[in-house]
Amino acid sequence: MSDDITSLRVRVEGIVQGVGFRAFLKMAAMRGGLDGWVRNRSDGSIEALVSGPTKAVEDFVSAATQGPQGARVRSVDLHNSEAPAEKGFQQRATL
């Protein structure tokens, strides 16, 4: 089993606000034991920073491409990132 840690900044565009997307991603992150945060952006997208075992991060990204019922994901952009300073996973205020 690999101990590789992956940290990604994830940006999801489409119909992703007002459909429970942040809570959906928070649950996905907590299931995977991931650290980071998720927030709405004023441009209508969702942004997250997620860090943890590579397989769990891949599962989180897979969840982000699907979204909760009612969401319509148009695109998911991934960028390598530094791990978050704090442990756990938070839902943050809109930026």
PDB file of N, CA and C in Angstrom:
ATOM      1  N   MET A   1       0.842  -1.187   0.000  1.00  0.00           N
ATOM      2  CA  MET A   1       0.000   0.000   0.000  1.00  0.00           C
ATOM      3  C   MET A   1       0.883   1.245   0.000  1.00  0.00           C
ATOM      4  N   SER A   2       0.492   2.226  -0.768  1.00  0.00           N
ATOM      5  CA  SER A   2       1.303   3.429  -0.939  1.00  0.00           C
ATOM      6  C   SER A   2       0.949   4.493   0.091  1.00  0.00           C
ATOM      7  N   ASP A   3       1.945   5.198   0.559  1.00  0.00           N
ATOM      8  CA  ASP A   3       1.727   6.308   1.480  1.00  0.00           C
ATOM      9  C   ASP A   3       1.825   7.646   0.763  1.00  0.00           C
ATOM     10  N   ASP A   4       1.741   7.626  -0.561  1.00  0.00           N
ATOM     11  CA  ASP A   4       1.832   8.873  -1.314  1.00  0.00           C
ATOM     12  C   ASP A   4       0.741   9.836  -0.888  1.00  0.00           C
ATOM     13  N   ILE A   5       1.134  11.086  -0.699  1.00  0.00           N
ATOM     14  CA  ILE A   5       0.186  12.142  -0.351  1.00  0.00           C
ATOM     15  C   ILE A   5       0.064  13.074  -1.553  1.00  0.00           C
ATOM     16  N   THR A   6      -1.156  13.376  -1.913  1.00  0.00           N
ATOM     17  CA  THR A   6      -1.436  14.284  -3.017  1.00  0.00           C
ATOM     18  C   THR A   6      -2.198  15.478  -2.472  1.00  0.00           C
ATOM     19  N   SER A   7      -1.836  16.673  -2.940  1.00  0.00           N
ATOM     20  CA  SER A   7      -2.561  17.892  -2.582  1.00  0.00           C
ATOM     21  C   SER A   7      -2.960  18.587  -3.874  1.00  0.00           C
ATOM     22  N   LEU A   8      -4.261  18.846  -4.010  1.00  0.00           N
ATOM     23  CA  LEU A   8      -4.784  19.463  -5.226  1.00  0.00           C
ATOM     24  C   LEU A   8      -5.709  20.620  -4.905  1.00  0.00           C
ATOM     25  N   ARG A   9      -5.665  21.619  -5.774  1.00  0.00           N
ATOM     26  CA  ARG A   9      -6.689  22.653  -5.775  1.00  0.00           C
ATOM     27  C   ARG A   9      -7.666  22.249  -6.880  1.00  0.00           C
ATOM     28  N   VAL A  10      -8.926  22.175  -6.535  1.00  0.00           N
ATOM     29  CA  VAL A  10      -9.968  21.690  -7.436  1.00  0.00           C
ATOM     30  C   VAL A  10     -10.959  22.823  -7.676  1.00  0.00           C
ATOM     31  N   ARG A  11     -11.276  23.084  -8.951  1.00  0.00           N
ATOM     32  CA  ARG A  11     -12.275  24.100  -9.274  1.00  0.00           C
ATOM     33  C   ARG A  11     -13.346  23.454 -10.138  1.00  0.00           C
ATOM     34  N   VAL A  12     -14.585  23.548  -9.697  1.00  0.00           N
ATOM     35  CA  VAL A  12     -15.705  22.914 -10.380  1.00  0.00           C
ATOM     36  C   VAL A  12     -16.615  23.996 -10.928  1.00  0.00           C
ATOM     37  N   GLU A  13     -16.912  23.919 -12.234  1.00  0.00           N
ATOM     38  CA  GLU A  13     -17.791  24.896 -12.869  1.00  0.00           C
ATOM     39  C   GLU A  13     -19.019  24.202 -13.429  1.00  0.00           C
ATOM     40  N   GLY A  14     -20.100  24.944 -13.522  1.00  0.00           N
ATOM     41  CA  GLY A  14     -21.369  24.430 -14.017  1.00  0.00           C
ATOM     42  C   GLY A  14     -22.474  24.901 -13.092  1.00  0.00           C
ATOM     43  N   ILE A  15     -23.536  24.106 -12.975  1.00  0.00           N
ATOM     44  CA  ILE A  15     -24.601  24.408 -12.003  1.00  0.00           C
ATOM     45  C   ILE A  15     -24.193  23.708 -10.717  1.00  0.00           C
ATOM     46  N   VAL A  16     -23.432  24.430  -9.898  1.00  0.00           N
ATOM     47  CA  VAL A  16     -22.810  23.799  -8.723  1.00  0.00           C
ATOM     48  C   VAL A  16     -23.094  24.542  -7.423  1.00  0.00           C
ATOM     49  N   GLN A  17     -23.786  25.662  -7.479  1.00  0.00           N
ATOM     50  CA  GLN A  17     -24.154  26.372  -6.255  1.00  0.00           C
ATOM     51  C   GLN A  17     -25.652  26.246  -6.041  1.00  0.00           C
ATOM     52  N   GLY A  18     -26.058  26.169  -4.771  1.00  0.00           N
ATOM     53  CA  GLY A  18     -27.464  26.053  -4.440  1.00  0.00           C
ATOM     54  C   GLY A  18     -27.998  24.632  -4.564  1.00  0.00           C
ATOM     55  N   VAL A  19     -27.108  23.654  -4.710  1.00  0.00           N
ATOM     56  CA  VAL A  19     -27.534  22.254  -4.861  1.00  0.00           C
ATOM     57  C   VAL A  19     -26.883  21.338  -3.814  1.00  0.00           C
ATOM     58  N   GLY A  20     -26.268  21.916  -2.776  1.00  0.00           N
ATOM     59  CA  GLY A  20     -25.636  21.115  -1.726  1.00  0.00           C
ATOM     60  C   GLY A  20     -24.262  20.582  -2.090  1.00  0.00           C
ATOM     61  N   PHE A  21     -23.604  21.235  -3.061  1.00  0.00           N
ATOM     62  CA  PHE A  21     -22.310  20.734  -3.550  1.00  0.00           C
ATOM     63  C   PHE A  21     -21.233  20.777  -2.474  1.00  0.00           C
ATOM     64  N   ARG A  22     -21.171  21.867  -1.707  1.00  0.00           N
ATOM     65  CA  ARG A  22     -20.117  21.959  -0.675  1.00  0.00           C
ATOM     66  C   ARG A  22     -20.282  20.862   0.374  1.00  0.00           C
ATOM     67  N   ALA A  23     -21.518  20.640   0.836  1.00  0.00           N
ATOM     68  CA  ALA A  23     -21.760  19.593   1.836  1.00  0.00           C
ATOM     69  C   ALA A  23     -21.440  18.215   1.247  1.00  0.00           C
ATOM     70  N   PHE A  24     -21.775  18.029  -0.036  1.00  0.00           N
ATOM     71  CA  PHE A  24     -21.487  16.780  -0.738  1.00  0.00           C
ATOM     72  C   PHE A  24     -19.979  16.519  -0.768  1.00  0.00           C
ATOM     73  N   LEU A  25     -19.197  17.548  -1.105  1.00  0.00           N
ATOM     74  CA  LEU A  25     -17.739  17.376  -1.154  1.00  0.00           C
ATOM     75  C   LEU A  25     -17.143  17.223   0.237  1.00  0.00           C
ATOM     76  N   LYS A  26     -17.721  17.905   1.224  1.00  0.00           N
ATOM     77  CA  LYS A  26     -17.220  17.754   2.592  1.00  0.00           C
ATOM     78  C   LYS A  26     -17.395  16.314   3.056  1.00  0.00           C
ATOM     79  N   MET A  27     -18.546  15.722   2.755  1.00  0.00           N
ATOM     80  CA  MET A  27     -18.770  14.318   3.120  1.00  0.00           C
ATOM     81  C   MET A  27     -17.777  13.399   2.388  1.00  0.00           C
ATOM     82  N   ALA A  28     -17.540  13.666   1.103  1.00  0.00           N
ATOM     83  CA  ALA A  28     -16.575  12.863   0.334  1.00  0.00           C
ATOM     84  C   ALA A  28     -15.181  12.960   0.954  1.00  0.00           C
ATOM     85  N   ALA A  29     -14.804  14.166   1.379  1.00  0.00           N
ATOM     86  CA  ALA A  29     -13.485  14.371   1.989  1.00  0.00           C
ATOM     87  C   ALA A  29     -13.388  13.659   3.333  1.00  0.00           C
ATOM     88  N   MET A  30     -14.446  13.743   4.116  1.00  0.00           N
ATOM     89  CA  MET A  30     -14.419  13.112   5.437  1.00  0.00           C
ATOM     90  C   MET A  30     -14.385  11.584   5.309  1.00  0.00           C
ATOM     91  N   ARG A  31     -15.098  11.043   4.330  1.00  0.00           N
ATOM     92  CA  ARG A  31     -15.048   9.590   4.086  1.00  0.00           C
ATOM     93  C   ARG A  31     -13.625   9.147   3.780  1.00  0.00           C
ATOM     94  N   GLY A  32     -12.882   9.988   3.047  1.00  0.00           N
ATOM     95  CA  GLY A  32     -11.509   9.642   2.677  1.00  0.00           C
ATOM     96  C   GLY A  32     -10.467  10.060   3.689  1.00  0.00           C
ATOM     97  N   GLY A  33     -10.897  10.696   4.789  1.00  0.00           N
ATOM     98  CA  GLY A  33      -9.952  11.162   5.807  1.00  0.00           C
ATOM     99  C   GLY A  33      -9.046  12.272   5.296  1.00  0.00           C
ATOM    100  N   LEU A  34      -9.579  13.107   4.406  1.00  0.00           N
ATOM    101  CA  LEU A  34      -8.775  14.155   3.767  1.00  0.00           C
ATOM    102  C   LEU A  34      -8.773  15.454   4.557  1.00  0.00           C
ATOM    103  N   ASP A  35      -7.736  16.241   4.349  1.00  0.00           N
ATOM    104  CA  ASP A  35      -7.636  17.586   4.919  1.00  0.00           C
ATOM    105  C   ASP A  35      -7.928  18.593   3.828  1.00  0.00           C
ATOM    106  N   GLY A  36      -8.384  19.782   4.232  1.00  0.00           N
ATOM    107  CA  GLY A  36      -8.587  20.855   3.275  1.00  0.00           C
ATOM    108  C   GLY A  36      -9.841  21.642   3.534  1.00  0.00           C
ATOM    109  N   TRP A  37     -10.400  22.210   2.467  1.00  0.00           N
ATOM    110  CA  TRP A  37     -11.583  23.060   2.586  1.00  0.00           C
ATOM    111  C   TRP A  37     -12.303  23.138   1.241  1.00  0.00           C
ATOM    112  N   VAL A  38     -13.544  23.630   1.303  1.00  0.00           N
ATOM    113  CA  VAL A  38     -14.341  23.854   0.097  1.00  0.00           C
ATOM    114  C   VAL A  38     -15.109  25.155   0.288  1.00  0.00           C
ATOM    115  N   ARG A  39     -15.310  25.908  -0.801  1.00  0.00           N
ATOM    116  CA  ARG A  39     -16.072  27.158  -0.719  1.00  0.00           C
ATOM    117  C   ARG A  39     -16.680  27.489  -2.076  1.00  0.00           C
ATOM    118  N   ASN A  40     -17.755  28.287  -2.020  1.00  0.00           N
ATOM    119  CA  ASN A  40     -18.307  28.874  -3.236  1.00  0.00           C
ATOM    120  C   ASN A  40     -17.423  30.041  -3.636  1.00  0.00           C
ATOM    121  N   ARG A  41     -17.377  30.330  -4.931  1.00  0.00           N
ATOM    122  CA  ARG A  41     -16.712  31.530  -5.428  1.00  0.00           C
ATOM    123  C   ARG A  41     -17.774  32.442  -6.022  1.00  0.00           C
ATOM    124  N   SER A  42     -17.506  33.737  -5.989  1.00  0.00           N
ATOM    125  CA  SER A  42     -18.485  34.715  -6.454  1.00  0.00           C
ATOM    126  C   SER A  42     -18.778  34.603  -7.947  1.00  0.00           C
ATOM    127  N   ASP A  43     -17.914  33.880  -8.699  1.00  0.00           N
ATOM    128  CA  ASP A  43     -18.165  33.694 -10.133  1.00  0.00           C
ATOM    129  C   ASP A  43     -19.098  32.511 -10.416  1.00  0.00           C
ATOM    130  N   GLY A  44     -19.599  31.869  -9.356  1.00  0.00           N
ATOM    131  CA  GLY A  44     -20.529  30.762  -9.528  1.00  0.00           C
ATOM    132  C   GLY A  44     -19.889  29.385  -9.487  1.00  0.00           C
ATOM    133  N   SER A  45     -18.560  29.326  -9.359  1.00  0.00           N
ATOM    134  CA  SER A  45     -17.875  28.029  -9.299  1.00  0.00           C
ATOM    135  C   SER A  45     -17.706  27.588  -7.840  1.00  0.00           C
ATOM    136  N   ILE A  46     -17.214  26.382  -7.674  1.00  0.00           N
ATOM    137  CA  ILE A  46     -16.853  25.829  -6.363  1.00  0.00           C
ATOM    138  C   ILE A  46     -15.347  25.602  -6.389  1.00  0.00           C
ATOM    139  N   GLU A  47     -14.687  25.951  -5.289  1.00  0.00           N
ATOM    140  CA  GLU A  47     -13.237  25.747  -5.188  1.00  0.00           C
ATOM    141  C   GLU A  47     -12.955  24.918  -3.945  1.00  0.00           C
ATOM    142  N   ALA A  48     -12.025  23.987  -4.074  1.00  0.00           N
ATOM    143  CA  ALA A  48     -11.632  23.168  -2.922  1.00  0.00           C
ATOM    144  C   ALA A  48     -10.127  22.975  -2.921  1.00  0.00           C
ATOM    145  N   LEU A  49      -9.584  22.808  -1.729  1.00  0.00           N
ATOM    146  CA  LEU A  49      -8.198  22.372  -1.541  1.00  0.00           C
ATOM    147  C   LEU A  49      -8.305  21.062  -0.790  1.00  0.00           C
ATOM    148  N   VAL A  50      -7.712  20.024  -1.331  1.00  0.00           N
ATOM    149  CA  VAL A  50      -7.831  18.702  -0.725  1.00  0.00           C
ATOM    150  C   VAL A  50      -6.457  18.042  -0.683  1.00  0.00           C
ATOM    151  N   SER A  51      -6.190  17.348   0.421  1.00  0.00           N
ATOM    152  CA  SER A  51      -4.881  16.743   0.623  1.00  0.00           C
ATOM    153  C   SER A  51      -5.024  15.452   1.410  1.00  0.00           C
ATOM    154  N   GLY A  52      -4.301  14.432   0.948  1.00  0.00           N
ATOM    155  CA  GLY A  52      -4.318  13.154   1.662  1.00  0.00           C
ATOM    156  C   GLY A  52      -3.763  12.062   0.773  1.00  0.00           C
ATOM    157  N   PRO A  53      -4.020  10.810   1.165  1.00  0.00           N
ATOM    158  CA  PRO A  53      -3.538   9.690   0.365  1.00  0.00           C
ATOM    159  C   PRO A  53      -4.045   9.805  -1.082  1.00  0.00           C
ATOM    160  N   THR A  54      -3.173   9.533  -2.033  1.00  0.00           N
ATOM    161  CA  THR A  54      -3.489   9.734  -3.447  1.00  0.00           C
ATOM    162  C   THR A  54      -4.803   9.077  -3.851  1.00  0.00           C
ATOM    163  N   LYS A  55      -5.044   7.831  -3.432  1.00  0.00           N
ATOM    164  CA  LYS A  55      -6.275   7.134  -3.815  1.00  0.00           C
ATOM    165  C   LYS A  55      -7.501   7.870  -3.287  1.00  0.00           C
ATOM    166  N   ALA A  56      -7.449   8.363  -2.048  1.00  0.00           N
ATOM    167  CA  ALA A  56      -8.578   9.085  -1.462  1.00  0.00           C
ATOM    168  C   ALA A  56      -8.807  10.408  -2.193  1.00  0.00           C
ATOM    169  N   VAL A  57      -7.726  11.076  -2.606  1.00  0.00           N
ATOM    170  CA  VAL A  57      -7.856  12.319  -3.380  1.00  0.00           C
ATOM    171  C   VAL A  57      -8.485  12.010  -4.741  1.00  0.00           C
ATOM    172  N   GLU A  58      -8.082  10.907  -5.353  1.00  0.00           N
ATOM    173  CA  GLU A  58      -8.684  10.521  -6.639  1.00  0.00           C
ATOM    174  C   GLU A  58     -10.184  10.263  -6.481  1.00  0.00           C
ATOM    175  N   ASP A  59     -10.572   9.626  -5.376  1.00  0.00           N
ATOM    176  CA  ASP A  59     -11.992   9.378  -5.121  1.00  0.00           C
ATOM    177  C   ASP A  59     -12.744  10.695  -4.940  1.00  0.00           C
ATOM    178  N   PHE A  60     -12.119  11.666  -4.262  1.00  0.00           N
ATOM    179  CA  PHE A  60     -12.726  12.987  -4.062  1.00  0.00           C
ATOM    180  C   PHE A  60     -12.938  13.675  -5.414  1.00  0.00           C
ATOM    181  N   VAL A  61     -11.924  13.630  -6.280  1.00  0.00           N
ATOM    182  CA  VAL A  61     -12.033  14.258  -7.607  1.00  0.00           C
ATOM    183  C   VAL A  61     -13.142  13.576  -8.409  1.00  0.00           C
ATOM    184  N   SER A  62     -13.221  12.260  -8.302  1.00  0.00           N
ATOM    185  CA  SER A  62     -14.287  11.525  -8.989  1.00  0.00           C
ATOM    186  C   SER A  62     -15.654  12.000  -8.505  1.00  0.00           C
ATOM    187  N   ALA A  63     -15.804  12.185  -7.189  1.00  0.00           N
ATOM    188  CA  ALA A  63     -17.065  12.698  -6.629  1.00  0.00           C
ATOM    189  C   ALA A  63     -17.345  14.102  -7.160  1.00  0.00           C
ATOM    190  N   ALA A  64     -16.305  14.923  -7.268  1.00  0.00           N
ATOM    191  CA  ALA A  64     -16.478  16.304  -7.745  1.00  0.00           C
ATOM    192  C   ALA A  64     -16.948  16.337  -9.196  1.00  0.00           C
ATOM    193  N   THR A  65     -16.542  15.355  -9.998  1.00  0.00           N
ATOM    194  CA  THR A  65     -16.970  15.338 -11.395  1.00  0.00           C
ATOM    195  C   THR A  65     -18.439  14.937 -11.521  1.00  0.00           C
ATOM    196  N   GLN A  66     -18.961  14.249 -10.517  1.00  0.00           N
ATOM    197  CA  GLN A  66     -20.366  13.820 -10.518  1.00  0.00           C
ATOM    198  C   GLN A  66     -21.255  14.870  -9.855  1.00  0.00           C
ATOM    199  N   GLY A  67     -20.893  15.238  -8.626  1.00  0.00           N
ATOM    200  CA  GLY A  67     -21.705  16.187  -7.870  1.00  0.00           C
ATOM    201  C   GLY A  67     -22.953  15.542  -7.311  1.00  0.00           C
ATOM    202  N   PRO A  68     -23.655  16.285  -6.454  1.00  0.00           N
ATOM    203  CA  PRO A  68     -24.901  15.781  -5.874  1.00  0.00           C
ATOM    204  C   PRO A  68     -26.032  15.862  -6.900  1.00  0.00           C
ATOM    205  N   GLN A  69     -27.142  15.258  -6.576  1.00  0.00           N
ATOM    206  CA  GLN A  69     -28.323  15.342  -7.440  1.00  0.00           C
ATOM    207  C   GLN A  69     -28.686  16.812  -7.625  1.00  0.00           C
ATOM    208  N   GLY A  70     -28.989  17.195  -8.830  1.00  0.00           N
ATOM    209  CA  GLY A  70     -29.334  18.589  -9.115  1.00  0.00           C
ATOM    210  C   GLY A  70     -28.180  19.396  -9.674  1.00  0.00           C
ATOM    211  N   ALA A  71     -26.966  18.908  -9.488  1.00  0.00           N
ATOM    212  CA  ALA A  71     -25.795  19.617 -10.020  1.00  0.00           C
ATOM    213  C   ALA A  71     -25.579  19.226 -11.476  1.00  0.00           C
ATOM    214  N   ARG A  72     -24.988  20.146 -12.236  1.00  0.00           N
ATOM    215  CA  ARG A  72     -24.578  19.865 -13.613  1.00  0.00           C
ATOM    216  C   ARG A  72     -23.145  20.350 -13.749  1.00  0.00           C
ATOM    217  N   VAL A  73     -22.210  19.426 -13.653  1.00  0.00           N
ATOM    218  CA  VAL A  73     -20.791  19.776 -13.707  1.00  0.00           C
ATOM    219  C   VAL A  73     -20.375  19.953 -15.171  1.00  0.00           C
ATOM    220  N   ARG A  74     -19.870  21.142 -15.481  1.00  0.00           N
ATOM    221  CA  ARG A  74     -19.388  21.430 -16.836  1.00  0.00           C
ATOM    222  C   ARG A  74     -17.889  21.134 -16.954  1.00  0.00           C
ATOM    223  N   SER A  75     -17.123  21.503 -15.947  1.00  0.00           N
ATOM    224  CA  SER A  75     -15.686  21.250 -15.994  1.00  0.00           C
ATOM    225  C   SER A  75     -15.114  21.161 -14.589  1.00  0.00           C
ATOM    226  N   VAL A  76     -14.026  20.410 -14.473  1.00  0.00           N
ATOM    227  CA  VAL A  76     -13.273  20.292 -13.220  1.00  0.00           C
ATOM    228  C   VAL A  76     -11.811  20.545 -13.562  1.00  0.00           C
ATOM    229  N   ASP A  77     -11.253  21.603 -12.992  1.00  0.00           N
ATOM    230  CA  ASP A  77      -9.839  21.931 -13.199  1.00  0.00           C
ATOM    231  C   ASP A  77      -9.053  21.510 -11.968  1.00  0.00           C
ATOM    232  N   LEU A  78      -7.911  20.856 -12.187  1.00  0.00           N
ATOM    233  CA  LEU A  78      -7.061  20.378 -11.097  1.00  0.00           C
ATOM    234  C   LEU A  78      -5.686  21.016 -11.199  1.00  0.00           C
ATOM    235  N   HIS A  79      -5.176  21.480 -10.061  1.00  0.00           N
ATOM    236  CA  HIS A  79      -3.830  22.051 -10.012  1.00  0.00           C
ATOM    237  C   HIS A  79      -3.132  21.533  -8.764  1.00  0.00           C
ATOM    238  N   ASN A  80      -1.874  21.122  -8.917  1.00  0.00           N
ATOM    239  CA  ASN A  80      -1.103  20.718  -7.746  1.00  0.00           C
ATOM    240  C   ASN A  80      -1.006  21.890  -6.789  1.00  0.00           C
ATOM    241  N   SER A  81      -0.956  21.580  -5.502  1.00  0.00           N
ATOM    242  CA  SER A  81      -0.974  22.624  -4.484  1.00  0.00           C
ATOM    243  C   SER A  81      -0.160  22.185  -3.279  1.00  0.00           C
ATOM    244  N   GLU A  82       0.092  23.135  -2.409  1.00  0.00           N
ATOM    245  CA  GLU A  82       0.667  22.816  -1.103  1.00  0.00           C
ATOM    246  C   GLU A  82      -0.437  22.254  -0.219  1.00  0.00           C
ATOM    247  N   ALA A  83      -0.071  21.394   0.712  1.00  0.00           N
ATOM    248  CA  ALA A  83      -1.055  20.864   1.658  1.00  0.00           C
ATOM    249  C   ALA A  83      -1.577  21.997   2.545  1.00  0.00           C
ATOM    250  N   PRO A  84      -2.828  21.909   2.999  1.00  0.00           N
ATOM    251  CA  PRO A  84      -3.359  22.952   3.888  1.00  0.00           C
ATOM    252  C   PRO A  84      -2.634  22.924   5.228  1.00  0.00           C
ATOM    253  N   ALA A  85      -2.567  24.075   5.880  1.00  0.00           N
ATOM    254  CA  ALA A  85      -1.879  24.169   7.166  1.00  0.00           C
ATOM    255  C   ALA A  85      -2.636  23.423   8.264  1.00  0.00           C
ATOM    256  N   GLU A  86      -3.971  23.456   8.199  1.00  0.00           N
ATOM    257  CA  GLU A  86      -4.767  22.847   9.262  1.00  0.00           C
ATOM    258  C   GLU A  86      -5.238  21.447   8.868  1.00  0.00           C
ATOM    259  N   LYS A  87      -5.462  20.637   9.882  1.00  0.00           N
ATOM    260  CA  LYS A  87      -5.978  19.286   9.671  1.00  0.00           C
ATOM    261  C   LYS A  87      -7.509  19.343   9.660  1.00  0.00           C
ATOM    262  N   GLY A  88      -8.117  18.303   9.097  1.00  0.00           N
ATOM    263  CA  GLY A  88      -9.563  18.271   9.008  1.00  0.00           C
ATOM    264  C   GLY A  88     -10.036  18.933   7.726  1.00  0.00           C
ATOM    265  N   PHE A  89     -11.359  18.963   7.528  1.00  0.00           N
ATOM    266  CA  PHE A  89     -11.917  19.512   6.301  1.00  0.00           C
ATOM    267  C   PHE A  89     -13.027  20.486   6.659  1.00  0.00           C
ATOM    268  N   GLN A  90     -12.899  21.731   6.184  1.00  0.00           N
ATOM    269  CA  GLN A  90     -13.845  22.796   6.525  1.00  0.00           C
ATOM    270  C   GLN A  90     -14.620  23.279   5.304  1.00  0.00           C
ATOM    271  N   GLN A  91     -15.803  23.772   5.598  1.00  0.00           N
ATOM    272  CA  GLN A  91     -16.576  24.479   4.578  1.00  0.00           C
ATOM    273  C   GLN A  91     -16.339  25.954   4.861  1.00  0.00           C
ATOM    274  N   ARG A  92     -15.807  26.685   3.881  1.00  0.00           N
ATOM    275  CA  ARG A  92     -15.426  28.085   4.075  1.00  0.00           C
ATOM    276  C   ARG A  92     -16.455  29.029   3.453  1.00  0.00           C
ATOM    277  N   ALA A  93     -16.340  30.293   3.858  1.00  0.00           N
ATOM    278  CA  ALA A  93     -17.223  31.320   3.316  1.00  0.00           C
ATOM    279  C   ALA A  93     -16.884  31.597   1.851  1.00  0.00           C
ATOM    280  N   THR A  94     -17.853  32.105   1.123  1.00  0.00           N
ATOM    281  CA  THR A  94     -17.677  32.456  -0.299  1.00  0.00           C
ATOM    282  C   THR A  94     -16.552  33.459  -0.455  1.00  0.00           C
ATOM    283  N   LEU A  95     -15.766  33.286  -1.512  1.00  0.00           N
ATOM    284  CA  LEU A  95     -14.680  34.225  -1.823  1.00  0.00           C
ATOM    285  C   LEU A  95     -15.113  35.097  -2.989  1.00  0.00           C
TER     286      LEU A  95
END
